[in-house]
């Protein structure tokens, strides 16, 4: 029954006292701060109250002063400026904020957002030459460009100054651009290395606004920065935490027609917006056009000058998202069928699957779902015209990029990092890739990694109350690097259930005063096995349910085992 290894973190009484006394917080909140690496009262206090004054001086970033001066020169000379983006939410939001900042400065600005299926990733020399033909003299890349040496050379040969703003790890040599803004440059001492692409673009915006004496506008930009930061799954610590905390507050009162229409279409306008609403409702609508086509619609949305125009674009984004969901579900259904007809494939250390009918734009999402469902590293590939485009996901100590390096002779291109990677290959070599990567896994790992869940503290559901909820809420905004706390209860007090919800989920009534329900999403297959259980061990996250003016606490089960 238990699917994950539960890794309960232990915090001593002395460690808790070191924070709870000076901060005036409960031992529980002190322990949650400690499990997030906040061991000193000053750092913990700053974490609990992120503010604008915590942002670093943007001119601490190597190359910032020279980049700002070149942009100001282009604005004063009315040179044509191109903002060159990327097709994911991070890249789209980067384009939106930098374009808006330049327009406020009076710049003659254009933008280009590449299409995933035709342009591919990164700056393309062809697009650089097209920009030169239109008279562009300055290009600002966002969320891309750090490895675009050929494109940088093309810009130089066309007499274009290229300023790269990116957050991805650079190669040994930087591209030959006019300037490169990236906190991960070896020679950059900028204090925060965890910025998303939109975070680096914002530091340029911040510097330009400061020089223009318009710092008061910074909070309005952070609404969009928060969306891109959450979507790119960077640690919500340091400056990222400031961006998201202030940005989410700003989303309560959107003024931009496009942003308002986006929130309305996602069903969150006028509601409390948290990281989950951004990650699962807002960002997917922007991401869908990047996956399914017509990426520029996402930028046009924020340019809309009329409410009706904004709503029409938001509806198109909704349609793309619905199409993305349908494609995703069709692939998952076909994989379920493969499980029944090819069970040996799913018993391998690494699951490798492919099909000519699978849409390239959603295979990354599918890979994540299959990894979570089967508890194994996964490669999923779409095949078209004899070529395979693949995406992989892994967890724990299984280093996905290293495993692809071991199969490099079979791949045309590949890249990524430990837990996420992509590749292209001749489709005829996919069976050999499956064999080779599994051979690598068996040789490299005596025992394959097992999915695990980090547990913050033991907290029985019977002890939950509103004071506990309020303390936990002080850790918001949650996200990568600051996950929603996970608690363990070795005797969940079942009053009745489980009951089926929408033929997909399980729900229990609990014998606990403040936490009256437990829900386990997408676990209907376990209904019969759990029918007789009056008590069970579980790890859970605490959530707030509001219905018709009534509030209650709900335990969202992450994993369980029978007592």
Protein backbone atom coordinates (compact mmCIF):
# COMPACT_ATOMS: atom_id res chain seq x y z
CA UNK A 1 0.00 0.00 0.00
CA UNK A 2 2.77 2.48 0.91
CA UNK A 3 4.28 3.92 -2.25
CA UNK A 4 7.03 6.23 -0.96
CA UNK A 5 9.77 6.16 1.63
CA UNK A 6 8.83 8.63 4.38
CA UNK A 7 11.81 10.66 5.52
CA UNK A 8 10.84 12.25 8.83
CA UNK A 9 13.14 15.13 9.71
CA UNK A 10 14.22 15.48 13.32
CA UNK A 11 14.72 18.86 15.00
CA UNK A 12 15.97 19.01 18.57
CA UNK A 13 14.27 20.97 21.36
CA UNK A 14 17.39 23.13 21.67
CA UNK A 15 17.26 24.03 17.96
CA UNK A 16 13.59 24.94 18.20
CA UNK A 17 14.14 27.08 21.30
CA UNK A 18 16.87 29.01 19.50
CA UNK A 19 14.24 30.36 17.09
CA UNK A 20 10.93 30.19 18.96
CA UNK A 21 12.07 32.48 21.79
CA UNK A 22 13.58 35.39 19.80
CA UNK A 23 10.86 35.23 17.10
CA UNK A 24 7.93 34.64 19.42
CA UNK A 25 6.69 31.66 17.40
CA UNK A 26 5.56 28.17 18.36
CA UNK A 27 7.98 25.23 18.48
CA UNK A 28 6.15 23.82 15.43
CA UNK A 29 6.77 26.91 13.30
CA UNK A 30 10.36 27.06 14.58
CA UNK A 31 10.91 23.45 13.49
CA UNK A 32 9.42 24.17 10.04
CA UNK A 33 11.78 27.11 9.60
CA UNK A 34 14.73 24.93 10.61
CA UNK A 35 13.83 22.17 8.13
CA UNK A 36 13.97 24.89 5.48
CA UNK A 37 17.54 25.73 6.44
CA UNK A 38 16.73 28.86 8.45
CA UNK A 39 18.83 28.37 11.56
CA UNK A 40 19.41 31.96 12.66
CA UNK A 41 16.70 34.29 14.06
CA UNK A 42 17.62 37.18 11.72
CA UNK A 43 17.39 35.04 8.57
CA UNK A 44 14.15 33.46 9.77
CA UNK A 45 12.60 36.86 10.54
CA UNK A 46 13.51 38.09 7.07
CA UNK A 47 11.98 34.95 5.57
CA UNK A 48 8.70 35.50 7.42
CA UNK A 49 8.42 39.12 6.28
CA UNK A 50 9.84 39.54 2.72
CA UNK A 51 9.83 43.16 1.56
CA UNK A 52 10.97 45.36 -1.34
CA UNK A 53 13.93 46.65 0.65
CA UNK A 54 15.32 43.10 0.66
CA UNK A 55 15.97 43.29 -3.10
CA UNK A 56 19.64 43.56 -4.03
CA UNK A 57 21.11 46.47 -5.96
CA UNK A 58 20.80 45.36 -9.63
CA UNK A 59 24.17 46.97 -10.41
CA UNK A 60 25.85 44.24 -8.34
CA UNK A 61 25.29 41.98 -11.35
CA UNK A 62 28.32 41.83 -13.65
CA UNK A 63 27.71 43.77 -16.86
CA UNK A 64 24.59 45.58 -15.63
CA UNK A 65 25.92 49.13 -15.83
CA UNK A 66 27.22 48.67 -19.38
CA UNK A 67 23.96 47.00 -20.44
CA UNK A 68 21.82 49.77 -18.97
CA UNK A 69 23.88 52.48 -20.62
CA UNK A 70 23.56 50.76 -24.00
CA UNK A 71 19.77 50.48 -23.61
CA UNK A 72 19.51 54.13 -22.60
CA UNK A 73 21.60 55.07 -25.63
CA UNK A 74 19.31 53.08 -27.93
CA UNK A 75 16.24 54.76 -26.45
CA UNK A 76 17.68 58.26 -26.83
CA UNK A 77 18.73 57.59 -30.43
CA UNK A 78 15.39 55.93 -31.30
CA UNK A 79 17.18 52.79 -32.42
CA UNK A 80 15.02 49.77 -33.10
CA UNK A 81 15.21 47.31 -30.19
CA UNK A 82 14.15 43.65 -30.34
CA UNK A 83 13.29 41.63 -27.22
CA UNK A 84 13.97 37.97 -28.11
CA UNK A 85 12.14 35.56 -25.81
CA UNK A 86 11.45 31.91 -25.20
CA UNK A 87 8.26 29.87 -25.56
CA UNK A 88 7.74 28.84 -21.93
CA UNK A 89 6.05 30.90 -19.19
CA UNK A 90 9.39 32.14 -17.89
CA UNK A 91 10.35 33.41 -21.33
CA UNK A 92 6.92 34.88 -22.10
CA UNK A 93 6.71 36.81 -18.83
CA UNK A 94 10.28 38.03 -19.37
CA UNK A 95 9.29 39.48 -22.74
CA UNK A 96 6.21 41.14 -21.24
CA UNK A 97 8.02 42.98 -18.44
CA UNK A 98 11.05 44.09 -20.47
CA UNK A 99 8.92 45.19 -23.41
CA UNK A 100 6.64 47.19 -21.09
CA UNK A 101 9.59 48.85 -19.35
CA UNK A 102 11.13 49.87 -22.68
CA UNK A 103 7.81 51.24 -23.93
CA UNK A 104 7.48 53.35 -20.79
CA UNK A 105 10.94 54.75 -21.57
CA UNK A 106 9.78 55.71 -25.07
CA UNK A 107 11.73 53.00 -26.92
CA UNK A 108 11.02 51.76 -30.43
CA UNK A 109 10.63 48.12 -29.38
CA UNK A 110 9.67 44.90 -31.14
CA UNK A 111 9.58 41.33 -29.82
CA UNK A 112 10.00 37.79 -31.04
CA UNK A 113 8.78 34.70 -29.22
CA UNK A 114 9.91 31.49 -30.94
CA UNK A 115 7.58 28.60 -31.73
CA UNK A 116 8.60 25.37 -30.00
CA UNK A 117 7.81 23.10 -32.94
CA UNK A 118 9.41 25.18 -35.72
CA UNK A 119 12.07 27.46 -34.20
CA UNK A 120 13.31 25.19 -31.44
CA UNK A 121 15.08 26.43 -28.34
CA UNK A 122 17.48 29.38 -28.19
CA UNK A 123 18.43 32.28 -30.42
CA UNK A 124 18.42 31.42 -34.11
CA UNK A 125 20.81 33.13 -36.58
CA UNK A 126 17.99 33.30 -39.18
CA UNK A 127 15.85 35.40 -36.82
CA UNK A 128 18.85 37.63 -36.09
CA UNK A 129 19.35 38.30 -39.79
CA UNK A 130 15.63 38.99 -40.25
CA UNK A 131 15.80 41.53 -37.41
CA UNK A 132 18.80 43.21 -39.07
CA UNK A 133 16.82 43.52 -42.29
CA UNK A 134 14.11 45.37 -40.33
CA UNK A 135 16.70 47.83 -39.04
CA UNK A 136 17.08 46.44 -35.50
CA UNK A 137 20.30 47.65 -33.88
CA UNK A 138 19.94 46.20 -30.36
CA UNK A 139 18.65 42.78 -29.29
CA UNK A 140 17.86 41.88 -25.69
CA UNK A 141 17.51 38.14 -25.19
CA UNK A 142 15.49 36.89 -22.21
CA UNK A 143 15.61 33.42 -20.64
CA UNK A 144 17.92 32.27 -23.43
CA UNK A 145 21.14 33.06 -25.24
CA UNK A 146 23.80 31.94 -22.77
CA UNK A 147 24.84 29.11 -25.13
CA UNK A 148 23.91 30.80 -28.42
CA UNK A 149 27.43 31.40 -29.70
CA UNK A 150 26.49 31.08 -33.38
CA UNK A 151 23.59 33.52 -33.00
CA UNK A 152 25.82 35.99 -31.14
CA UNK A 153 28.33 35.80 -33.98
CA UNK A 154 25.53 36.40 -36.47
CA UNK A 155 24.43 39.49 -34.53
CA UNK A 156 27.97 40.85 -34.52
CA UNK A 157 28.36 40.29 -38.26
CA UNK A 158 25.07 42.16 -38.85
CA UNK A 159 26.20 45.12 -36.77
CA UNK A 160 23.70 44.38 -34.00
CA UNK A 161 24.57 44.69 -30.32
CA UNK A 162 23.25 41.66 -28.43
CA UNK A 163 22.66 41.83 -24.68
CA UNK A 164 21.97 38.38 -23.24
CA UNK A 165 19.85 38.07 -20.09
CA UNK A 166 19.67 34.45 -18.97
CA UNK A 167 19.83 32.26 -15.89
CA UNK A 168 20.91 28.93 -17.36
CA UNK A 169 24.39 27.65 -16.64
CA UNK A 170 26.96 29.01 -19.11
CA UNK A 171 29.57 27.01 -20.95
CA UNK A 172 33.30 27.53 -20.38
CA UNK A 173 33.23 30.56 -22.70
CA UNK A 174 30.46 33.13 -22.86
CA UNK A 175 28.89 33.95 -26.24
CA UNK A 176 30.52 36.92 -28.01
CA UNK A 177 27.68 39.31 -27.12
CA UNK A 178 27.87 43.02 -26.33
CA UNK A 179 27.08 42.10 -22.72
CA UNK A 180 25.87 39.05 -20.77
CA UNK A 181 23.68 39.39 -17.67
CA UNK A 182 23.62 36.08 -15.82
CA UNK A 183 24.18 35.65 -12.07
CA UNK A 184 25.68 32.22 -12.82
CA UNK A 185 28.61 33.66 -14.76
CA UNK A 186 31.85 32.53 -13.14
CA UNK A 187 32.93 36.16 -12.75
CA UNK A 188 29.61 37.39 -11.34
CA UNK A 189 29.43 38.00 -7.59
CA UNK A 190 25.70 38.74 -7.55
CA UNK A 191 24.36 37.41 -4.22
CA UNK A 192 21.35 35.49 -5.56
CA UNK A 193 22.16 32.70 -8.01
CA UNK A 194 18.65 31.20 -8.09
CA UNK A 195 16.79 33.72 -10.24
CA UNK A 196 14.54 32.52 -13.05
CA UNK A 197 14.92 34.06 -16.49
CA UNK A 198 12.19 36.54 -15.61
CA UNK A 199 14.12 37.39 -12.45
CA UNK A 200 17.23 38.33 -14.43
CA UNK A 201 15.11 40.34 -16.89
CA UNK A 202 13.52 42.09 -13.92
CA UNK A 203 16.91 43.11 -12.53
CA UNK A 204 17.50 44.95 -15.83
CA UNK A 205 14.02 46.50 -15.49
CA UNK A 206 14.79 47.47 -11.90
CA UNK A 207 18.05 49.12 -12.93
CA UNK A 208 16.36 51.06 -15.76
CA UNK A 209 13.54 52.22 -13.46
CA UNK A 210 16.01 53.32 -10.79
CA UNK A 211 18.01 55.36 -13.28
CA UNK A 212 14.78 56.98 -14.49
CA UNK A 213 13.58 57.73 -10.95
CA UNK A 214 10.52 55.48 -11.39
CA UNK A 215 11.07 52.88 -8.65
CA UNK A 216 7.44 53.32 -7.56
CA UNK A 217 6.45 51.18 -10.56
CA UNK A 218 8.38 48.11 -9.37
CA UNK A 219 5.44 46.41 -7.55
CA UNK A 220 3.32 46.51 -10.73
CA UNK A 221 6.01 44.54 -12.60
CA UNK A 222 6.23 41.96 -9.83
CA UNK A 223 2.73 40.65 -10.62
CA UNK A 224 4.08 39.21 -13.88
CA UNK A 225 7.47 38.32 -12.38
CA UNK A 226 5.69 36.19 -9.76
CA UNK A 227 3.89 34.16 -12.44
CA UNK A 228 7.11 33.43 -14.36
CA UNK A 229 9.09 32.66 -11.20
CA UNK A 230 6.54 30.14 -9.90
CA UNK A 231 6.14 28.54 -13.33
CA UNK A 232 9.89 28.02 -13.76
CA UNK A 233 10.11 26.09 -10.46
CA UNK A 234 13.11 27.95 -9.04
CA UNK A 235 13.64 28.02 -5.25
CA UNK A 236 11.24 30.47 -3.61
CA UNK A 237 13.98 31.82 -1.39
CA UNK A 238 15.89 35.09 -1.35
CA UNK A 239 14.77 37.53 -4.02
CA UNK A 240 12.42 34.98 -5.57
CA UNK A 241 10.45 34.93 -2.32
CA UNK A 242 10.17 38.74 -2.40
CA UNK A 243 9.04 38.68 -6.05
CA UNK A 244 6.35 36.09 -5.37
CA UNK A 245 5.11 37.44 -2.04
CA UNK A 246 4.59 40.98 -3.36
CA UNK A 247 3.49 39.80 -6.80
CA UNK A 248 0.76 37.52 -5.45
CA UNK A 249 -0.56 40.37 -3.32
CA UNK A 250 -0.69 42.56 -6.44
CA UNK A 251 -2.67 39.94 -8.37
CA UNK A 252 -5.64 40.61 -6.10
CA UNK A 253 -6.17 43.92 -7.95
CA UNK A 254 -5.05 43.52 -11.59
CA UNK A 255 -5.29 46.63 -13.78
CA UNK A 256 -3.90 45.36 -17.07
CA UNK A 257 -6.81 44.16 -19.28
CA UNK A 258 -4.91 41.05 -20.35
CA UNK A 259 -3.90 40.04 -16.84
CA UNK A 260 -7.45 40.56 -15.62
CA UNK A 261 -8.84 38.44 -18.48
CA UNK A 262 -6.27 35.72 -17.78
CA UNK A 263 -7.24 35.54 -14.10
CA UNK A 264 -10.92 35.57 -15.03
CA UNK A 265 -10.52 32.72 -17.51
CA UNK A 266 -8.59 30.72 -14.90
CA UNK A 267 -11.41 31.19 -12.40
CA UNK A 268 -9.31 33.04 -9.83
CA UNK A 269 -10.22 36.70 -10.39
CA UNK A 270 -11.16 38.31 -7.09
CA UNK A 271 -10.01 35.28 -5.10
CA UNK A 272 -7.01 34.64 -2.89
CA UNK A 273 -4.28 33.68 -5.34
CA UNK A 274 -1.50 31.42 -4.08
CA UNK A 275 1.33 29.49 -5.73
CA UNK A 276 -1.04 26.61 -6.48
CA UNK A 277 -3.45 28.87 -8.39
CA UNK A 278 -0.53 30.20 -10.44
CA UNK A 279 1.08 26.80 -10.99
CA UNK A 280 -2.06 24.85 -11.88
CA UNK A 281 -4.50 27.40 -13.29
CA UNK A 282 -2.76 30.55 -14.54
CA UNK A 283 0.61 29.35 -15.84
CA UNK A 284 -0.78 26.37 -17.83
CA UNK A 285 -2.82 28.76 -19.98
CA UNK A 286 0.31 30.71 -20.91
CA UNK A 287 2.32 27.52 -21.28
CA UNK A 288 -0.27 25.91 -23.56
CA UNK A 289 0.39 28.28 -26.46
CA UNK A 290 4.09 27.53 -26.14
CA UNK A 291 3.37 23.82 -26.34
CA UNK A 292 0.60 23.84 -28.94
CA UNK A 293 1.52 26.86 -31.11
CA UNK A 294 0.89 30.61 -31.61
CA UNK A 295 3.08 31.60 -28.67
CA UNK A 296 2.90 35.32 -29.47
CA UNK A 297 -0.76 35.28 -28.36
CA UNK A 298 0.50 35.16 -24.78
CA UNK A 299 2.32 38.47 -25.26
CA UNK A 300 -0.54 40.04 -27.24
CA UNK A 301 -2.79 39.31 -24.28
CA UNK A 302 -0.95 41.82 -22.10
CA UNK A 303 -0.93 44.39 -24.93
CA UNK A 304 -4.72 44.35 -25.31
CA UNK A 305 -6.13 47.88 -25.04
CA UNK A 306 -9.78 46.82 -24.67
CA UNK A 307 -11.44 44.33 -22.29
CA UNK A 308 -13.24 42.53 -25.14
CA UNK A 309 -9.98 42.09 -27.03
CA UNK A 310 -8.27 40.73 -23.91
CA UNK A 311 -11.11 38.29 -23.25
CA UNK A 312 -10.98 37.02 -26.83
CA UNK A 313 -7.25 36.29 -26.55
CA UNK A 314 -7.72 34.71 -23.12
CA UNK A 315 -10.37 32.45 -24.64
CA UNK A 316 -7.90 31.34 -27.33
CA UNK A 317 -5.41 30.50 -24.57
CA UNK A 318 -8.15 28.51 -22.83
CA UNK A 319 -8.84 26.59 -26.02
CA UNK A 320 -5.14 25.79 -26.43
CA UNK A 321 -5.00 24.62 -22.84
CA UNK A 322 -8.03 22.38 -23.33
CA UNK A 323 -6.41 20.92 -26.44
CA UNK A 324 -3.21 20.36 -24.47
CA UNK A 325 -5.18 18.56 -21.75
CA UNK A 326 -6.92 16.32 -24.30
CA UNK A 327 -3.64 15.41 -25.98
CA UNK A 328 -2.10 14.70 -22.61
CA UNK A 329 -4.97 12.45 -21.51
CA UNK A 330 -4.94 10.54 -24.81
CA UNK A 331 -1.24 9.78 -24.38
CA UNK A 332 -1.78 8.67 -20.79
CA UNK A 333 -4.60 6.34 -21.91
CA UNK A 334 -2.38 4.82 -24.59
CA UNK A 335 0.36 4.30 -22.01
CA UNK A 336 -2.12 2.52 -19.72
CA UNK A 337 -2.85 0.20 -22.64
CA UNK A 338 0.87 -0.39 -23.17
CA UNK A 339 1.12 -1.36 -19.50
CA UNK A 340 -1.40 -4.13 -20.10
CA UNK A 341 0.15 -5.38 -23.34
CA UNK A 342 3.85 -4.77 -22.59
CA UNK A 343 4.22 -5.24 -18.81
CA UNK A 344 7.92 -6.10 -19.15
CA UNK A 345 8.63 -2.54 -20.34
CA UNK A 346 7.31 -1.16 -17.06
CA UNK A 347 9.41 -3.53 -14.95
CA UNK A 348 12.67 -2.08 -16.32
CA UNK A 349 14.71 0.30 -14.10
CA UNK A 350 14.00 3.13 -16.60
CA UNK A 351 10.70 3.27 -18.49
CA UNK A 352 11.27 4.23 -22.13
CA UNK A 353 8.19 4.74 -24.33
CA UNK A 354 7.48 6.24 -27.75
CA UNK A 355 4.71 6.55 -30.33
CA UNK A 356 4.18 8.42 -33.63
CA UNK A 357 0.81 9.77 -32.47
CA UNK A 358 2.06 11.60 -29.39
CA UNK A 359 2.18 15.40 -29.53
CA UNK A 360 5.68 16.80 -28.95
CA UNK A 361 4.38 19.71 -26.93
CA UNK A 362 3.09 17.64 -24.01
CA UNK A 363 5.56 14.77 -23.63
CA UNK A 364 7.37 16.54 -20.78
CA UNK A 365 4.16 16.77 -18.75
CA UNK A 366 3.38 13.13 -19.56
CA UNK A 367 6.88 12.05 -18.47
CA UNK A 368 6.29 13.69 -15.07
CA UNK A 369 2.95 11.95 -14.65
CA UNK A 370 4.34 8.53 -15.59
CA UNK A 371 7.31 8.96 -13.26
CA UNK A 372 4.97 9.81 -10.38
CA UNK A 373 2.57 6.99 -11.22
CA UNK A 374 5.09 4.18 -11.68
CA UNK A 375 7.88 5.38 -9.39
CA UNK A 376 10.63 5.05 -12.00
CA UNK A 377 12.75 7.38 -14.16
CA UNK A 378 11.08 7.89 -17.53
CA UNK A 379 11.87 8.82 -21.13
CA UNK A 380 8.91 9.65 -23.39
CA UNK A 381 9.40 10.31 -27.11
CA UNK A 382 7.24 11.57 -29.94
CA UNK A 383 8.07 10.17 -33.39
CA UNK A 384 7.50 11.94 -36.71
CA UNK A 385 9.14 11.31 -40.09
CA UNK A 386 11.66 8.88 -38.64
CA UNK A 387 12.87 11.41 -36.03
CA UNK A 388 12.26 11.12 -32.29
CA UNK A 389 11.97 14.03 -29.87
CA UNK A 390 12.09 12.97 -26.26
CA UNK A 391 11.70 14.29 -22.75
CA UNK A 392 12.75 12.64 -19.51
CA UNK A 393 12.14 12.95 -15.78
CA UNK A 394 13.84 11.33 -12.80
CA UNK A 395 14.10 11.70 -9.03
CA UNK A 396 16.42 11.11 -6.11
CA UNK A 397 19.97 10.11 -6.95
CA UNK A 398 19.25 8.96 -10.51
CA UNK A 399 21.12 11.47 -12.68
CA UNK A 400 19.17 11.64 -15.92
CA UNK A 401 21.65 13.79 -17.84
CA UNK A 402 24.55 11.44 -16.95
CA UNK A 403 22.49 8.48 -18.15
CA UNK A 404 21.98 10.20 -21.50
CA UNK A 405 25.71 10.92 -21.69
CA UNK A 406 26.20 7.15 -21.42
CA UNK A 407 24.02 6.78 -24.52
CA UNK A 408 25.42 9.79 -26.38
CA UNK A 409 26.36 7.77 -29.48
CA UNK A 410 22.66 7.08 -30.10
CA UNK A 411 21.51 10.70 -29.75
CA UNK A 412 21.70 13.63 -32.13
CA UNK A 413 21.24 16.23 -29.39
CA UNK A 414 20.53 16.13 -25.67
CA UNK A 415 20.67 18.41 -22.65
CA UNK A 416 19.17 19.13 -19.27
CA UNK A 417 20.12 18.31 -15.71
CA UNK A 418 19.77 15.66 -12.98
CA UNK A 419 16.00 15.33 -12.92
CA UNK A 420 14.84 16.68 -16.31
CA UNK A 421 16.31 16.36 -19.79
CA UNK A 422 15.44 16.34 -23.47
CA UNK A 423 16.87 14.66 -26.55
CA UNK A 424 16.49 14.06 -30.28
CA UNK A 425 17.44 10.85 -32.06
CA UNK A 426 16.79 8.66 -35.08
CA UNK A 427 13.57 6.82 -34.22
CA UNK A 428 15.02 3.49 -35.35
CA UNK A 429 17.54 3.71 -32.48
CA UNK A 430 14.92 3.99 -29.71
CA UNK A 431 14.89 0.23 -28.92
CA UNK A 432 18.67 0.34 -28.52
CA UNK A 433 18.36 3.48 -26.38
CA UNK A 434 15.93 1.61 -24.10
CA UNK A 435 18.36 -1.29 -23.81
CA UNK A 436 21.44 0.89 -23.31
CA UNK A 437 20.00 3.22 -20.67
CA UNK A 438 18.66 0.29 -18.66
CA UNK A 439 22.02 -1.45 -18.90
CA UNK A 440 23.60 1.75 -17.56
CA UNK A 441 21.07 1.89 -14.73
CA UNK A 442 21.72 -1.72 -13.68
CA UNK A 443 25.50 -1.20 -13.71
CA UNK A 444 25.44 2.22 -12.03
CA UNK A 445 22.89 1.45 -9.31
CA UNK A 446 22.99 -1.73 -7.26
CA UNK A 447 19.50 -0.73 -6.17
CA UNK A 448 17.43 1.82 -8.06
CA UNK A 449 16.39 4.92 -6.11
CA UNK A 450 12.98 4.75 -4.47
CA UNK A 451 10.70 7.81 -4.53
CA UNK A 452 10.61 9.52 -1.16
CA UNK A 453 8.58 12.16 0.64
CA UNK A 454 10.24 14.53 3.07
CA UNK A 455 8.17 14.79 6.25
CA UNK A 456 8.54 17.98 8.28
CA UNK A 457 7.08 16.82 11.57
CA UNK A 458 4.85 14.31 13.34
CA UNK A 459 1.50 16.06 13.81
CA UNK A 460 -1.64 14.00 14.60
CA UNK A 461 -4.81 15.22 12.94
CA UNK A 462 -6.51 15.33 16.35
CA UNK A 463 -4.14 18.13 17.43
CA UNK A 464 -4.89 20.41 14.50
CA UNK A 465 -6.63 23.72 15.16
CA UNK A 466 -6.86 27.22 13.71
CA UNK A 467 -3.78 28.42 15.57
CA UNK A 468 -1.74 25.68 13.87
CA UNK A 469 -3.15 26.70 10.48
CA UNK A 470 -2.30 30.37 11.02
CA UNK A 471 1.29 29.51 11.97
CA UNK A 472 1.76 27.29 8.93
CA UNK A 473 0.32 30.04 6.71
CA UNK A 474 3.12 32.38 7.76
CA UNK A 475 5.47 30.27 5.60
CA UNK A 476 3.62 31.21 2.40
CA UNK A 477 4.20 31.60 -0.48
CA UNK A 478 5.02 27.93 -0.91
CA UNK A 479 6.75 26.37 -3.88
CA UNK A 480 10.03 24.77 -4.87
CA UNK A 481 12.60 25.31 -2.11
CA UNK A 482 9.80 26.10 0.34
CA UNK A 483 7.32 23.24 -0.09
CA UNK A 484 3.97 22.96 1.63
CA UNK A 485 4.75 21.27 4.98
CA UNK A 486 4.15 17.53 5.12
CA UNK A 487 3.08 15.94 8.39
CA UNK A 488 2.88 12.37 9.62
CA UNK A 489 0.05 10.81 11.63
CA UNK A 490 0.49 7.19 12.70
CA UNK A 491 -3.21 6.77 13.52
CA UNK A 492 -5.49 8.83 11.29
CA UNK A 493 -8.85 8.75 13.16
CA UNK A 494 -11.34 7.46 10.56
CA UNK A 495 -14.98 8.15 11.38
CA UNK A 496 -16.47 7.01 8.06
CA UNK A 497 -15.33 6.15 4.56
CA UNK A 498 -13.62 5.97 2.22
CA UNK A 499 -16.14 7.36 -0.26
CA UNK A 500 -15.63 7.71 -3.99
CA UNK A 501 -15.60 11.26 -5.42
CA UNK A 502 -16.23 11.73 -9.15
CA UNK A 503 -15.12 8.12 -9.73
CA UNK A 504 -11.52 9.28 -9.25
CA UNK A 505 -10.76 10.29 -5.67
CA UNK A 506 -11.18 8.97 -2.11
CA UNK A 507 -12.57 10.87 0.86
CA UNK A 508 -12.87 10.05 4.57
CA UNK A 509 -14.72 11.67 7.43
CA UNK A 510 -12.33 12.04 10.36
CA UNK A 511 -12.91 12.00 14.11
CA UNK A 512 -11.00 15.25 14.56
CA UNK A 513 -12.59 18.53 15.72
CA UNK A 514 -10.99 20.98 13.30
CA UNK A 515 -9.88 18.66 10.50
CA UNK A 516 -13.03 16.80 9.55
CA UNK A 517 -12.02 15.34 6.19
CA UNK A 518 -9.14 13.60 4.41
CA UNK A 519 -8.88 13.37 0.63
CA UNK A 520 -6.60 11.23 -1.53
CA UNK A 521 -6.62 12.40 -5.12
CA UNK A 522 -6.69 9.94 -8.07
CA UNK A 523 -6.66 6.83 -5.87
CA UNK A 524 -10.05 5.30 -6.67
CA UNK A 525 -8.30 1.99 -7.51
CA UNK A 526 -7.55 1.54 -3.80
CA UNK A 527 -11.16 1.84 -2.66
CA UNK A 528 -11.79 -1.87 -2.02
CA UNK A 529 -8.48 -2.38 -0.20
CA UNK A 530 -9.25 0.47 2.20
CA UNK A 531 -12.95 -0.14 2.87
CA UNK A 532 -12.43 -1.97 6.15
CA UNK A 533 -9.63 0.21 7.53
CA UNK A 534 -10.75 2.13 10.64
CA UNK A 535 -7.32 3.67 11.09
CA UNK A 536 -4.19 4.05 9.02
CA UNK A 537 -0.79 5.73 8.98
CA UNK A 538 -0.45 8.61 6.58
CA UNK A 539 1.61 11.57 5.49
CA UNK A 540 -0.49 14.57 4.59
CA UNK A 541 -0.58 18.26 3.75
CA UNK A 542 -3.02 20.59 5.47
CA UNK A 543 -5.37 22.60 3.25
CA UNK A 544 -8.14 25.12 3.83
CA UNK A 545 -11.62 24.44 2.44
CA UNK A 546 -14.08 27.32 2.14
CA UNK A 547 -17.68 26.60 1.16
CA UNK A 548 -20.69 28.88 1.56
CA UNK A 549 -18.92 31.02 4.10
CA UNK A 550 -17.79 28.06 6.22
CA UNK A 551 -14.13 27.22 6.73
CA UNK A 552 -12.67 23.82 7.53
CA UNK A 553 -9.31 22.09 7.47
CA UNK A 554 -8.71 19.14 5.16
CA UNK A 555 -5.87 16.61 5.27
CA UNK A 556 -4.69 15.96 1.71
CA UNK A 557 -3.16 12.49 1.83
CA UNK A 558 0.18 12.10 0.07
CA UNK A 559 0.75 8.44 0.98
CA UNK A 560 -0.55 5.92 3.49
CA UNK A 561 -0.05 2.48 4.92
CA UNK A 562 -2.40 0.25 6.86
CA UNK A 563 -1.69 -0.03 10.58
